[in-house]
Amino acid sequence: MASKSERNLNRREIIKAIAHTYLKLEGEATAKEIALFINKNNLLHGSISTSYISNILGRATFKCYPKRFKSDNGVWRLNV
């Protein structure tokens, strides 16, 4: 059985993968649009907030190089 921290880490990785795929298809989106997409299609158990999406994408840009996601005034896009 996975610990709570492992489950949270897995959940964050799934959200980053969903956001990556969504941004690859759409080009750019706000955290609200990504959260709405996840919640509307029931991709994860429970609802996901806009601030949680922003937090996850912001952390993904902080430690990785080159940065995976880029935000300009709240609009997220892939950094390719």
N, C-alpha and C. Protein backbone atom coordinates (compact mmCIF):
# COMPACT_ATOMS: atom_id res chain seq x y z
N MET A 1 0.84 -1.18 0.00
CA MET A 1 0.00 0.00 0.00
C MET A 1 0.89 1.25 0.00
N ALA A 2 0.58 2.19 -0.84
CA ALA A 2 1.37 3.41 -0.97
C ALA A 2 1.06 4.37 0.18
N SER A 3 2.06 5.09 0.61
CA SER A 3 1.86 6.08 1.67
C SER A 3 1.14 7.30 1.09
N LYS A 4 0.68 8.16 1.98
CA LYS A 4 -0.04 9.36 1.55
C LYS A 4 0.85 10.26 0.70
N SER A 5 2.12 10.41 1.06
CA SER A 5 3.02 11.27 0.28
C SER A 5 3.26 10.68 -1.11
N GLU A 6 3.34 9.35 -1.22
CA GLU A 6 3.50 8.72 -2.53
C GLU A 6 2.27 8.93 -3.40
N ARG A 7 1.09 8.83 -2.78
CA ARG A 7 -0.16 9.05 -3.53
C ARG A 7 -0.23 10.49 -4.02
N ASN A 8 0.17 11.46 -3.17
CA ASN A 8 0.16 12.87 -3.57
C ASN A 8 1.14 13.12 -4.71
N LEU A 9 2.32 12.51 -4.62
CA LEU A 9 3.31 12.65 -5.68
C LEU A 9 2.79 12.08 -6.99
N ASN A 10 2.17 10.91 -6.93
CA ASN A 10 1.59 10.30 -8.13
C ASN A 10 0.49 11.17 -8.71
N ARG A 11 -0.33 11.74 -7.85
CA ARG A 11 -1.42 12.62 -8.30
C ARG A 11 -0.86 13.86 -9.01
N ARG A 12 0.20 14.44 -8.44
CA ARG A 12 0.82 15.61 -9.07
C ARG A 12 1.42 15.25 -10.43
N GLU A 13 2.04 14.08 -10.53
CA GLU A 13 2.62 13.65 -11.81
C GLU A 13 1.53 13.42 -12.86
N ILE A 14 0.40 12.87 -12.44
CA ILE A 14 -0.72 12.67 -13.37
C ILE A 14 -1.26 14.01 -13.84
N ILE A 15 -1.38 14.96 -12.93
CA ILE A 15 -1.87 16.29 -13.31
C ILE A 15 -0.92 16.96 -14.29
N LYS A 16 0.40 16.83 -14.05
CA LYS A 16 1.38 17.41 -14.99
C LYS A 16 1.28 16.76 -16.35
N ALA A 17 1.06 15.45 -16.39
CA ALA A 17 0.92 14.75 -17.67
C ALA A 17 -0.35 15.18 -18.40
N ILE A 18 -1.45 15.33 -17.67
CA ILE A 18 -2.70 15.80 -18.28
C ILE A 18 -2.53 17.22 -18.81
N ALA A 19 -1.91 18.09 -18.00
CA ALA A 19 -1.69 19.48 -18.42
C ALA A 19 -0.78 19.53 -19.65
N HIS A 20 0.25 18.70 -19.67
CA HIS A 20 1.17 18.66 -20.81
C HIS A 20 0.41 18.28 -22.09
N THR A 21 -0.40 17.24 -21.99
CA THR A 21 -1.18 16.78 -23.15
C THR A 21 -2.19 17.85 -23.59
N TYR A 22 -2.88 18.44 -22.62
CA TYR A 22 -3.87 19.48 -22.94
C TYR A 22 -3.21 20.68 -23.62
N LEU A 23 -2.06 21.11 -23.10
CA LEU A 23 -1.37 22.25 -23.68
C LEU A 23 -0.79 21.91 -25.05
N LYS A 24 -0.42 20.66 -25.25
CA LYS A 24 0.09 20.26 -26.56
C LYS A 24 -1.02 20.34 -27.61
N LEU A 25 -2.25 20.00 -27.20
CA LEU A 25 -3.39 20.06 -28.12
C LEU A 25 -3.90 21.49 -28.33
N GLU A 26 -4.00 22.24 -27.24
CA GLU A 26 -4.61 23.57 -27.29
C GLU A 26 -3.61 24.70 -27.54
N GLY A 27 -2.36 24.49 -27.20
CA GLY A 27 -1.36 25.54 -27.38
C GLY A 27 -1.15 26.36 -26.13
N GLU A 28 -2.23 26.84 -25.52
CA GLU A 28 -2.14 27.60 -24.28
C GLU A 28 -3.47 27.52 -23.55
N ALA A 29 -3.41 27.68 -22.25
CA ALA A 29 -4.62 27.61 -21.43
C ALA A 29 -4.33 28.20 -20.06
N THR A 30 -5.39 28.65 -19.41
CA THR A 30 -5.27 29.11 -18.03
C THR A 30 -5.41 27.90 -17.11
N ALA A 31 -5.01 28.08 -15.87
CA ALA A 31 -5.17 27.00 -14.89
C ALA A 31 -6.64 26.65 -14.71
N LYS A 32 -7.50 27.65 -14.84
CA LYS A 32 -8.95 27.42 -14.71
C LYS A 32 -9.44 26.49 -15.82
N GLU A 33 -8.97 26.69 -17.04
CA GLU A 33 -9.37 25.84 -18.16
C GLU A 33 -8.89 24.40 -17.97
N ILE A 34 -7.68 24.23 -17.48
CA ILE A 34 -7.13 22.89 -17.24
C ILE A 34 -7.91 22.20 -16.12
N ALA A 35 -8.18 22.93 -15.03
CA ALA A 35 -8.95 22.37 -13.92
C ALA A 35 -10.35 21.98 -14.38
N LEU A 36 -10.97 22.82 -15.18
CA LEU A 36 -12.31 22.52 -15.71
C LEU A 36 -12.28 21.27 -16.58
N PHE A 37 -11.26 21.14 -17.41
CA PHE A 37 -11.11 19.96 -18.27
C PHE A 37 -10.98 18.69 -17.42
N ILE A 38 -10.15 18.74 -16.39
CA ILE A 38 -9.95 17.56 -15.53
C ILE A 38 -11.23 17.21 -14.79
N ASN A 39 -11.89 18.22 -14.22
CA ASN A 39 -13.10 17.98 -13.44
C ASN A 39 -14.28 17.54 -14.31
N LYS A 40 -14.43 18.17 -15.47
CA LYS A 40 -15.55 17.87 -16.36
C LYS A 40 -15.48 16.44 -16.89
N ASN A 41 -14.28 15.97 -17.16
CA ASN A 41 -14.10 14.64 -17.72
C ASN A 41 -13.81 13.57 -16.66
N ASN A 42 -13.89 13.96 -15.38
CA ASN A 42 -13.67 13.03 -14.26
C ASN A 42 -12.36 12.25 -14.42
N LEU A 43 -11.28 12.96 -14.73
CA LEU A 43 -9.99 12.31 -14.95
C LEU A 43 -9.31 11.92 -13.64
N LEU A 44 -9.67 12.55 -12.54
CA LEU A 44 -9.12 12.21 -11.22
C LEU A 44 -10.26 12.14 -10.22
N HIS A 45 -10.04 11.37 -9.17
CA HIS A 45 -11.03 11.26 -8.09
C HIS A 45 -11.05 12.58 -7.32
N GLY A 46 -12.22 13.14 -7.15
CA GLY A 46 -12.35 14.42 -6.45
C GLY A 46 -12.17 15.58 -7.41
N SER A 47 -12.43 16.77 -6.92
CA SER A 47 -12.30 17.94 -7.78
C SER A 47 -10.93 18.59 -7.59
N ILE A 48 -10.46 19.23 -8.64
CA ILE A 48 -9.17 19.90 -8.65
C ILE A 48 -9.41 21.40 -8.73
N SER A 49 -8.74 22.17 -7.87
CA SER A 49 -8.92 23.62 -7.88
C SER A 49 -7.91 24.29 -8.82
N THR A 50 -8.25 25.49 -9.22
CA THR A 50 -7.39 26.28 -10.08
C THR A 50 -6.06 26.58 -9.39
N SER A 51 -6.11 26.90 -8.11
CA SER A 51 -4.87 27.23 -7.38
C SER A 51 -3.96 26.01 -7.27
N TYR A 52 -4.55 24.82 -7.15
CA TYR A 52 -3.75 23.59 -7.08
C TYR A 52 -3.03 23.35 -8.41
N ILE A 53 -3.72 23.59 -9.53
CA ILE A 53 -3.10 23.44 -10.85
C ILE A 53 -1.94 24.44 -10.99
N SER A 54 -2.17 25.69 -10.63
CA SER A 54 -1.12 26.71 -10.71
C SER A 54 0.07 26.35 -9.85
N ASN A 55 -0.19 25.85 -8.66
CA ASN A 55 0.88 25.44 -7.75
C ASN A 55 1.72 24.32 -8.37
N ILE A 56 1.06 23.31 -8.91
CA ILE A 56 1.77 22.17 -9.50
C ILE A 56 2.59 22.59 -10.71
N LEU A 57 1.99 23.37 -11.61
CA LEU A 57 2.71 23.80 -12.81
C LEU A 57 3.85 24.75 -12.44
N GLY A 58 3.64 25.60 -11.45
CA GLY A 58 4.68 26.51 -10.99
C GLY A 58 5.86 25.76 -10.40
N ARG A 59 5.60 24.71 -9.64
CA ARG A 59 6.69 23.90 -9.08
C ARG A 59 7.40 23.13 -10.17
N ALA A 60 6.66 22.71 -11.20
CA ALA A 60 7.29 21.96 -12.30
C ALA A 60 8.27 22.85 -13.05
N THR A 61 8.01 24.16 -13.09
CA THR A 61 8.91 25.06 -13.79
C THR A 61 10.10 25.44 -12.93
N PHE A 62 9.98 25.29 -11.61
CA PHE A 62 11.02 25.76 -10.70
C PHE A 62 12.27 24.88 -10.71
N LYS A 63 12.09 23.55 -10.67
CA LYS A 63 13.24 22.67 -10.49
C LYS A 63 13.75 22.01 -11.76
N CYS A 64 13.05 22.08 -12.85
CA CYS A 64 13.52 21.37 -14.04
C CYS A 64 14.15 22.34 -15.04
N TYR A 65 15.11 21.84 -15.77
CA TYR A 65 15.76 22.66 -16.79
C TYR A 65 15.96 21.81 -18.02
N PRO A 66 15.53 22.17 -19.19
CA PRO A 66 14.79 23.41 -19.45
C PRO A 66 13.38 23.34 -18.88
N LYS A 67 12.82 24.49 -18.62
CA LYS A 67 11.51 24.56 -18.00
C LYS A 67 10.46 23.91 -18.89
N ARG A 68 9.61 23.10 -18.26
CA ARG A 68 8.59 22.35 -19.01
C ARG A 68 7.38 23.22 -19.35
N PHE A 69 6.97 24.06 -18.41
CA PHE A 69 5.81 24.94 -18.60
C PHE A 69 6.25 26.38 -18.43
N LYS A 70 5.54 27.28 -19.11
CA LYS A 70 5.85 28.71 -19.04
C LYS A 70 4.54 29.45 -18.83
N SER A 71 4.54 30.42 -17.96
CA SER A 71 3.34 31.21 -17.68
C SER A 71 3.59 32.67 -17.99
N ASP A 72 2.69 33.24 -18.75
CA ASP A 72 2.69 34.68 -19.02
C ASP A 72 1.35 35.23 -18.60
N ASN A 73 1.33 35.97 -17.48
CA ASN A 73 0.12 36.58 -16.95
C ASN A 73 -1.00 35.55 -16.74
N GLY A 74 -0.64 34.39 -16.20
CA GLY A 74 -1.63 33.37 -15.88
C GLY A 74 -2.01 32.44 -17.01
N VAL A 75 -1.44 32.65 -18.19
CA VAL A 75 -1.70 31.77 -19.33
C VAL A 75 -0.52 30.83 -19.47
N TRP A 76 -0.79 29.53 -19.33
CA TRP A 76 0.25 28.53 -19.36
C TRP A 76 0.42 28.00 -20.78
N ARG A 77 1.68 27.71 -21.13
CA ARG A 77 1.99 27.05 -22.41
C ARG A 77 3.22 26.19 -22.21
N LEU A 78 3.42 25.29 -23.14
CA LEU A 78 4.63 24.46 -23.09
C LEU A 78 5.83 25.27 -23.51
N ASN A 79 6.95 25.04 -22.91
CA ASN A 79 8.16 25.76 -23.22
C ASN A 79 8.99 24.93 -24.21
N VAL A 80 8.59 24.99 -25.47
CA VAL A 80 9.31 24.24 -26.52
C VAL A 80 9.77 25.18 -27.59
